Amino acid sequence: PVGKTRQIVAACRASGQRRADVKQIIEDGNKKFLWSPSGILRVVQLLRDCETRWSSTYLMSDRLIELYPAVQCFLNHPQQTAIAHLLFKPLEYQVLHDIQSILAVPQAAQELLSAEKTPTLSAALPAFEMLLDSWINLQKELPMLAHYIGVGIFKIQEYVNKGRKCRAYALAMIMNPTMKMEWIESHWPQDDAEQAENWMIEAVS
């Protein structure tokens, strides 16, 4: 479904005329309150993803899902028979929603870190560990995609395990007044928590 999303976006943005046609369909539908559930769609463009921005796939899919009622009308138009085959089948569209649920987790973690006004080193590992918990729960909810979620879990788990062995991460969290040692003691294995405490003692000695 993500590959087809790219194809749909590319087709709808292939020319100025197509972009204008999609925009016109949105505006016409808004006047008649055609789009469910609210009857109104935002008058915005579809987004391409970008290899240099890992969150861009989430943003691309999110925008397509938002505008898909209008995109369906566009692809079903008699003048668009050459690209009508790009329409999602019902199962494909459901899988895209499921994939979006998976991508929303790291997107939320990224937004959390980006929103911090203070240095985010102390927030990085907690954010990634919350990401892990969310993905583990999604594995149970989306068994058909459990393998793919597992690949992401493995990579994040590697990062988290290395982070727990990192003095800088541990001290940053301990020095954060909202975390101190409590967060480490409740979330890290005992050996890692004890090592973090030793680093703290060394730092203030």
C-alpha atoms as a PDB file:
ATOM      1  CA  PRO A   1       0.000   0.000   0.000  1.00  0.00           C
ATOM      2  CA  VAL A   2       2.835   2.466   0.649  1.00  0.00           C
ATOM      3  CA  GLY A   3       4.183   1.861  -2.848  1.00  0.00           C
ATOM      4  CA  LYS A   4       0.731   2.419  -4.319  1.00  0.00           C
ATOM      5  CA  THR A   5       0.404   5.570  -2.208  1.00  0.00           C
ATOM      6  CA  ARG A   6       3.527   6.925  -3.924  1.00  0.00           C
ATOM      7  CA  GLN A   7       2.054   6.022  -7.313  1.00  0.00           C
ATOM      8  CA  ILE A   8      -1.255   7.753  -6.558  1.00  0.00           C
ATOM      9  CA  VAL A   9       0.481  10.877  -5.276  1.00  0.00           C
ATOM     10  CA  ALA A  10       2.815  10.957  -8.283  1.00  0.00           C
ATOM     11  CA  ALA A  11      -0.110  10.537 -10.696  1.00  0.00           C
ATOM     12  CA  CYS A  12      -2.236  13.229  -9.046  1.00  0.00           C
ATOM     13  CA  ARG A  13       0.694  15.647  -8.977  1.00  0.00           C
ATOM     14  CA  ALA A  14       2.050  14.771 -12.434  1.00  0.00           C
ATOM     15  CA  SER A  15       0.977  18.080 -13.960  1.00  0.00           C
ATOM     16  CA  GLY A  16      -0.373  21.455 -12.995  1.00  0.00           C
ATOM     17  CA  GLN A  17      -3.680  20.514 -14.591  1.00  0.00           C
ATOM     18  CA  ARG A  18      -4.081  17.390 -12.464  1.00  0.00           C
ATOM     19  CA  ARG A  19      -3.214  19.283  -9.290  1.00  0.00           C
ATOM     20  CA  ALA A  20      -5.771  21.930 -10.229  1.00  0.00           C
ATOM     21  CA  ASP A  21      -8.389  19.256 -10.968  1.00  0.00           C
ATOM     22  CA  VAL A  22      -7.941  17.608  -7.566  1.00  0.00           C
ATOM     23  CA  LYS A  23      -8.173  21.013  -5.883  1.00  0.00           C
ATOM     24  CA  GLN A  24     -11.360  21.799  -7.810  1.00  0.00           C
ATOM     25  CA  ILE A  25     -12.934  18.483  -6.809  1.00  0.00           C
ATOM     26  CA  ILE A  26     -12.180  19.217  -3.150  1.00  0.00           C
ATOM     27  CA  GLU A  27     -13.691  22.698  -3.383  1.00  0.00           C
ATOM     28  CA  ASP A  28     -16.793  21.508  -5.258  1.00  0.00           C
ATOM     29  CA  GLY A  29     -17.333  18.731  -2.722  1.00  0.00           C
ATOM     30  CA  ASN A  30     -16.926  21.168   0.158  1.00  0.00           C
ATOM     31  CA  LYS A  31     -19.693  23.377  -1.259  1.00  0.00           C
ATOM     32  CA  LYS A  32     -22.040  20.379  -1.271  1.00  0.00           C
ATOM     33  CA  PHE A  33     -20.740  18.887   2.012  1.00  0.00           C
ATOM     34  CA  LEU A  34     -19.966  15.641   0.194  1.00  0.00           C
ATOM     35  CA  TRP A  35     -17.011  14.462   2.222  1.00  0.00           C
ATOM     36  CA  SER A  36     -17.539  12.314   5.297  1.00  0.00           C
ATOM     37  CA  PRO A  37     -17.412  12.535   8.232  1.00  0.00           C
ATOM     38  CA  SER A  38     -17.507  16.354   8.500  1.00  0.00           C
ATOM     39  CA  GLY A  39     -18.544  17.130   4.929  1.00  0.00           C
ATOM     40  CA  ILE A  40     -15.474  19.336   4.438  1.00  0.00           C
ATOM     41  CA  LEU A  41     -11.913  18.571   3.330  1.00  0.00           C
ATOM     42  CA  ARG A  42      -8.996  20.931   3.715  1.00  0.00           C
ATOM     43  CA  VAL A  43      -7.947  22.488   0.415  1.00  0.00           C
ATOM     44  CA  VAL A  44      -4.358  21.259   0.489  1.00  0.00           C
ATOM     45  CA  GLN A  45      -2.046  19.395  -1.862  1.00  0.00           C
ATOM     46  CA  LEU A  46      -0.948  15.780  -1.694  1.00  0.00           C
ATOM     47  CA  LEU A  47       2.591  15.348  -0.356  1.00  0.00           C
ATOM     48  CA  ARG A  48       5.480  13.379  -1.813  1.00  0.00           C
ATOM     49  CA  ASP A  49       7.776  11.524   0.544  1.00  0.00           C
ATOM     50  CA  CYS A  50      11.484  12.249   0.677  1.00  0.00           C
ATOM     51  CA  GLU A  51      14.405   9.874   1.297  1.00  0.00           C
ATOM     52  CA  THR A  52      16.176  12.421   3.504  1.00  0.00           C
ATOM     53  CA  ARG A  53      13.205  12.804   5.865  1.00  0.00           C
ATOM     54  CA  TRP A  54      12.228   9.507   7.494  1.00  0.00           C
ATOM     55  CA  SER A  55       8.906  10.913   8.739  1.00  0.00           C
ATOM     56  CA  SER A  56       7.890  11.993   5.244  1.00  0.00           C
ATOM     57  CA  THR A  57       6.348   8.584   4.461  1.00  0.00           C
ATOM     58  CA  TYR A  58       3.998   9.032   7.409  1.00  0.00           C
ATOM     59  CA  LEU A  59       3.114  12.569   6.301  1.00  0.00           C
ATOM     60  CA  MET A  60       2.564  11.468   2.685  1.00  0.00           C
ATOM     61  CA  SER A  61       0.231   8.631   3.701  1.00  0.00           C
ATOM     62  CA  ASP A  62      -1.553  10.771   6.273  1.00  0.00           C
ATOM     63  CA  ARG A  63      -2.340  13.436   3.692  1.00  0.00           C
ATOM     64  CA  LEU A  64      -3.549  10.873   1.137  1.00  0.00           C
ATOM     65  CA  ILE A  65      -5.865   9.270   3.693  1.00  0.00           C
ATOM     66  CA  GLU A  66      -7.208  12.716   4.577  1.00  0.00           C
ATOM     67  CA  LEU A  67      -7.929  13.595   0.939  1.00  0.00           C
ATOM     68  CA  TYR A  68      -8.765  10.119  -0.348  1.00  0.00           C
ATOM     69  CA  PRO A  69     -12.523  10.772  -0.822  1.00  0.00           C
ATOM     70  CA  ALA A  70     -11.624  13.514  -3.315  1.00  0.00           C
ATOM     71  CA  VAL A  71      -8.802  11.455  -4.834  1.00  0.00           C
ATOM     72  CA  GLN A  72     -11.288   8.629  -5.431  1.00  0.00           C
ATOM     73  CA  CYS A  73     -13.554  11.020  -7.327  1.00  0.00           C
ATOM     74  CA  PHE A  74     -10.615  12.246  -9.368  1.00  0.00           C
ATOM     75  CA  LEU A  75      -9.379   8.755 -10.286  1.00  0.00           C
ATOM     76  CA  ASN A  76     -12.922   7.642 -11.146  1.00  0.00           C
ATOM     77  CA  HIS A  77     -13.455  10.554 -13.526  1.00  0.00           C
ATOM     78  CA  PRO A  78     -13.937   9.461 -17.178  1.00  0.00           C
ATOM     79  CA  GLN A  79     -10.942  11.589 -18.193  1.00  0.00           C
ATOM     80  CA  GLN A  80      -8.647   9.653 -15.848  1.00  0.00           C
ATOM     81  CA  THR A  81      -9.130   6.112 -17.143  1.00  0.00           C
ATOM     82  CA  ALA A  82      -5.367   5.785 -17.675  1.00  0.00           C
ATOM     83  CA  ILE A  83      -4.734   6.017 -13.930  1.00  0.00           C
ATOM     84  CA  ALA A  84      -8.019   4.656 -12.532  1.00  0.00           C
ATOM     85  CA  HIS A  85      -6.304   1.316 -11.835  1.00  0.00           C
ATOM     86  CA  LEU A  86      -4.400   3.025  -9.008  1.00  0.00           C
ATOM     87  CA  LEU A  87      -7.493   3.105  -6.796  1.00  0.00           C
ATOM     88  CA  PHE A  88      -7.014   1.146  -3.591  1.00  0.00           C
ATOM     89  CA  LYS A  89      -8.858  -2.116  -3.161  1.00  0.00           C
ATOM     90  CA  PRO A  90     -10.716  -2.171   0.202  1.00  0.00           C
ATOM     91  CA  LEU A  91      -8.155  -4.493   1.829  1.00  0.00           C
ATOM     92  CA  GLU A  92      -5.248  -2.382   0.562  1.00  0.00           C
ATOM     93  CA  TYR A  93      -6.804   0.729   2.051  1.00  0.00           C
ATOM     94  CA  GLN A  94      -7.316  -1.004   5.396  1.00  0.00           C
ATOM     95  CA  VAL A  95      -3.695  -2.165   5.410  1.00  0.00           C
ATOM     96  CA  LEU A  96      -2.588   1.405   4.675  1.00  0.00           C
ATOM     97  CA  HIS A  97      -4.502   2.538   7.776  1.00  0.00           C
ATOM     98  CA  ASP A  98      -2.785  -0.202   9.804  1.00  0.00           C
ATOM     99  CA  ILE A  99       0.634   0.837   8.497  1.00  0.00           C
ATOM    100  CA  GLN A 100      -0.219   4.415   9.379  1.00  0.00           C
ATOM    101  CA  SER A 101      -0.912   3.288  12.955  1.00  0.00           C
ATOM    102  CA  ILE A 102       2.587   1.813  13.051  1.00  0.00           C
ATOM    103  CA  LEU A 103       4.255   4.896  11.570  1.00  0.00           C
ATOM    104  CA  ALA A 104       2.329   7.190  13.921  1.00  0.00           C
ATOM    105  CA  VAL A 105       4.296   5.859  16.895  1.00  0.00           C
ATOM    106  CA  PRO A 106       7.787   7.063  15.856  1.00  0.00           C
ATOM    107  CA  GLN A 107       6.169  10.206  14.448  1.00  0.00           C
ATOM    108  CA  ALA A 108       4.763  10.982  17.906  1.00  0.00           C
ATOM    109  CA  ALA A 109       8.156  10.291  19.498  1.00  0.00           C
ATOM    110  CA  GLN A 110       9.840  12.628  17.029  1.00  0.00           C
ATOM    111  CA  GLU A 111       7.284  15.375  17.668  1.00  0.00           C
ATOM    112  CA  LEU A 112       7.750  14.953  21.421  1.00  0.00           C
ATOM    113  CA  LEU A 113      11.497  15.427  21.136  1.00  0.00           C
ATOM    114  CA  SER A 114      11.179  18.291  18.657  1.00  0.00           C
ATOM    115  CA  ALA A 115       8.771  20.131  20.954  1.00  0.00           C
ATOM    116  CA  GLU A 116      11.200  20.166  23.877  1.00  0.00           C
ATOM    117  CA  LYS A 117      12.509  23.663  24.610  1.00  0.00           C
ATOM    118  CA  THR A 118      15.315  22.279  26.780  1.00  0.00           C
ATOM    119  CA  PRO A 119      18.087  19.858  25.659  1.00  0.00           C
ATOM    120  CA  THR A 120      16.443  16.583  24.657  1.00  0.00           C
ATOM    121  CA  LEU A 121      19.189  14.070  25.484  1.00  0.00           C
ATOM    122  CA  SER A 122      17.428  13.166  28.733  1.00  0.00           C
ATOM    123  CA  ALA A 123      14.140  12.622  26.870  1.00  0.00           C
ATOM    124  CA  ALA A 124      15.556  10.510  24.032  1.00  0.00           C
ATOM    125  CA  LEU A 125      15.720   7.099  25.714  1.00  0.00           C
ATOM    126  CA  PRO A 126      12.348   7.433  27.492  1.00  0.00           C
ATOM    127  CA  ALA A 127      10.779   8.388  24.154  1.00  0.00           C
ATOM    128  CA  PHE A 128      12.311   5.369  22.423  1.00  0.00           C
ATOM    129  CA  GLU A 129      11.309   3.042  25.252  1.00  0.00           C
ATOM    130  CA  MET A 130       7.709   4.289  25.036  1.00  0.00           C
ATOM    131  CA  LEU A 131       7.939   3.700  21.280  1.00  0.00           C
ATOM    132  CA  LEU A 132       8.992   0.106  21.971  1.00  0.00           C
ATOM    133  CA  ASP A 133       6.067  -0.456  24.333  1.00  0.00           C
ATOM    134  CA  SER A 134       3.615   0.921  21.772  1.00  0.00           C
ATOM    135  CA  TRP A 135       5.010  -1.231  18.962  1.00  0.00           C
ATOM    136  CA  ILE A 136       4.937  -4.350  21.126  1.00  0.00           C
ATOM    137  CA  ASN A 137       1.237  -3.697  21.785  1.00  0.00           C
ATOM    138  CA  LEU A 138       0.626  -3.120  18.063  1.00  0.00           C
ATOM    139  CA  GLN A 139       2.186  -6.504  17.292  1.00  0.00           C
ATOM    140  CA  LYS A 140      -0.693  -8.066  19.220  1.00  0.00           C
ATOM    141  CA  GLU A 141      -3.319  -5.841  17.587  1.00  0.00           C
ATOM    142  CA  LEU A 142      -1.979  -6.276  14.025  1.00  0.00           C
ATOM    143  CA  PRO A 143      -0.726  -9.875  13.814  1.00  0.00           C
ATOM    144  CA  MET A 144      -0.532  -9.760  10.000  1.00  0.00           C
ATOM    145  CA  LEU A 145       2.072  -6.991  10.291  1.00  0.00           C
ATOM    146  CA  ALA A 146       3.800  -8.340  13.410  1.00  0.00           C
ATOM    147  CA  HIS A 147       6.918  -9.402  11.500  1.00  0.00           C
ATOM    148  CA  TYR A 148       7.456  -5.940  10.033  1.00  0.00           C
ATOM    149  CA  ILE A 149       6.850  -4.280  13.398  1.00  0.00           C
ATOM    150  CA  GLY A 150       9.363  -6.720  14.862  1.00  0.00           C
ATOM    151  CA  VAL A 151      12.072  -5.478  12.505  1.00  0.00           C
ATOM    152  CA  GLY A 152      11.553  -1.955  13.837  1.00  0.00           C
ATOM    153  CA  ILE A 153      11.469  -3.195  17.431  1.00  0.00           C
ATOM    154  CA  PHE A 154      14.800  -4.987  16.934  1.00  0.00           C
ATOM    155  CA  LYS A 155      16.536  -1.848  15.634  1.00  0.00           C
ATOM    156  CA  ILE A 156      15.124   0.396  18.370  1.00  0.00           C
ATOM    157  CA  GLN A 157      15.957  -2.207  21.029  1.00  0.00           C
ATOM    158  CA  GLU A 158      19.573  -2.205  19.836  1.00  0.00           C
ATOM    159  CA  TYR A 159      19.692   1.571  20.235  1.00  0.00           C
ATOM    160  CA  VAL A 160      18.038   1.489  23.664  1.00  0.00           C
ATOM    161  CA  ASN A 161      20.379  -1.234  24.941  1.00  0.00           C
ATOM    162  CA  LYS A 162      23.412   0.791  23.830  1.00  0.00           C
ATOM    163  CA  GLY A 163      21.917   3.935  25.346  1.00  0.00           C
ATOM    164  CA  ARG A 164      21.535   2.263  28.727  1.00  0.00           C
ATOM    165  CA  LYS A 165      25.297   1.630  28.691  1.00  0.00           C
ATOM    166  CA  CYS A 166      26.027   5.276  27.881  1.00  0.00           C
ATOM    167  CA  ARG A 167      27.187   7.499  30.754  1.00  0.00           C
ATOM    168  CA  ALA A 168      26.012  10.682  29.007  1.00  0.00           C
ATOM    169  CA  TYR A 169      22.430   9.409  28.613  1.00  0.00           C
ATOM    170  CA  ALA A 170      22.260   8.216  32.211  1.00  0.00           C
ATOM    171  CA  LEU A 171      23.596  11.447  33.705  1.00  0.00           C
ATOM    172  CA  ALA A 172      21.344  13.569  31.494  1.00  0.00           C
ATOM    173  CA  MET A 173      18.283  11.732  32.814  1.00  0.00           C
ATOM    174  CA  ILE A 174      19.458  11.833  36.430  1.00  0.00           C
ATOM    175  CA  MET A 175      20.091  15.583  36.195  1.00  0.00           C
ATOM    176  CA  ASN A 176      16.619  16.157  34.732  1.00  0.00           C
ATOM    177  CA  PRO A 177      14.498  17.206  37.747  1.00  0.00           C
ATOM    178  CA  THR A 178      11.425  15.454  36.325  1.00  0.00           C
ATOM    179  CA  MET A 179      13.260  12.108  36.076  1.00  0.00           C
ATOM    180  CA  LYS A 180      16.255  11.823  38.438  1.00  0.00           C
ATOM    181  CA  MET A 181      16.924   8.158  39.332  1.00  0.00           C
ATOM    182  CA  GLU A 182      13.270   7.217  39.670  1.00  0.00           C
ATOM    183  CA  TRP A 183      12.663   6.715  35.953  1.00  0.00           C
ATOM    184  CA  ILE A 184      15.832   4.669  35.487  1.00  0.00           C
ATOM    185  CA  GLU A 185      15.080   2.474  38.495  1.00  0.00           C
ATOM    186  CA  SER A 186      11.562   1.731  37.284  1.00  0.00           C
ATOM    187  CA  HIS A 187      12.414   1.107  33.606  1.00  0.00           C
ATOM    188  CA  TRP A 188      15.972  -0.218  33.364  1.00  0.00           C
ATOM    189  CA  PRO A 189      17.356  -3.648  34.290  1.00  0.00           C
ATOM    190  CA  GLN A 190      18.901  -3.664  37.770  1.00  0.00           C
ATOM    191  CA  ASP A 191      22.503  -3.907  36.526  1.00  0.00           C
ATOM    192  CA  ASP A 192      22.076  -0.897  34.239  1.00  0.00           C
ATOM    193  CA  ALA A 193      20.340   1.108  36.972  1.00  0.00           C
ATOM    194  CA  GLU A 194      23.151   0.360  39.429  1.00  0.00           C
ATOM    195  CA  GLN A 195      25.746   1.416  36.862  1.00  0.00           C
ATOM    196  CA  ALA A 196      23.873   4.678  36.299  1.00  0.00           C
ATOM    197  CA  GLU A 197      23.848   5.320  40.043  1.00  0.00           C
ATOM    198  CA  ASN A 198      27.610   4.704  40.202  1.00  0.00           C
ATOM    199  CA  TRP A 199      28.146   7.205  37.381  1.00  0.00           C
ATOM    200  CA  MET A 200      26.107   9.750  39.332  1.00  0.00           C
ATOM    201  CA  ILE A 201      28.199   9.206  42.471  1.00  0.00           C
ATOM    202  CA  GLU A 202      31.419   9.552  40.473  1.00  0.00           C
ATOM    203  CA  ALA A 203      30.146  12.747  38.839  1.00  0.00           C
ATOM    204  CA  VAL A 204      29.455  14.483  42.165  1.00  0.00           C
ATOM    205  CA  SER A 205      32.455  13.121  44.058  1.00  0.00           C
END
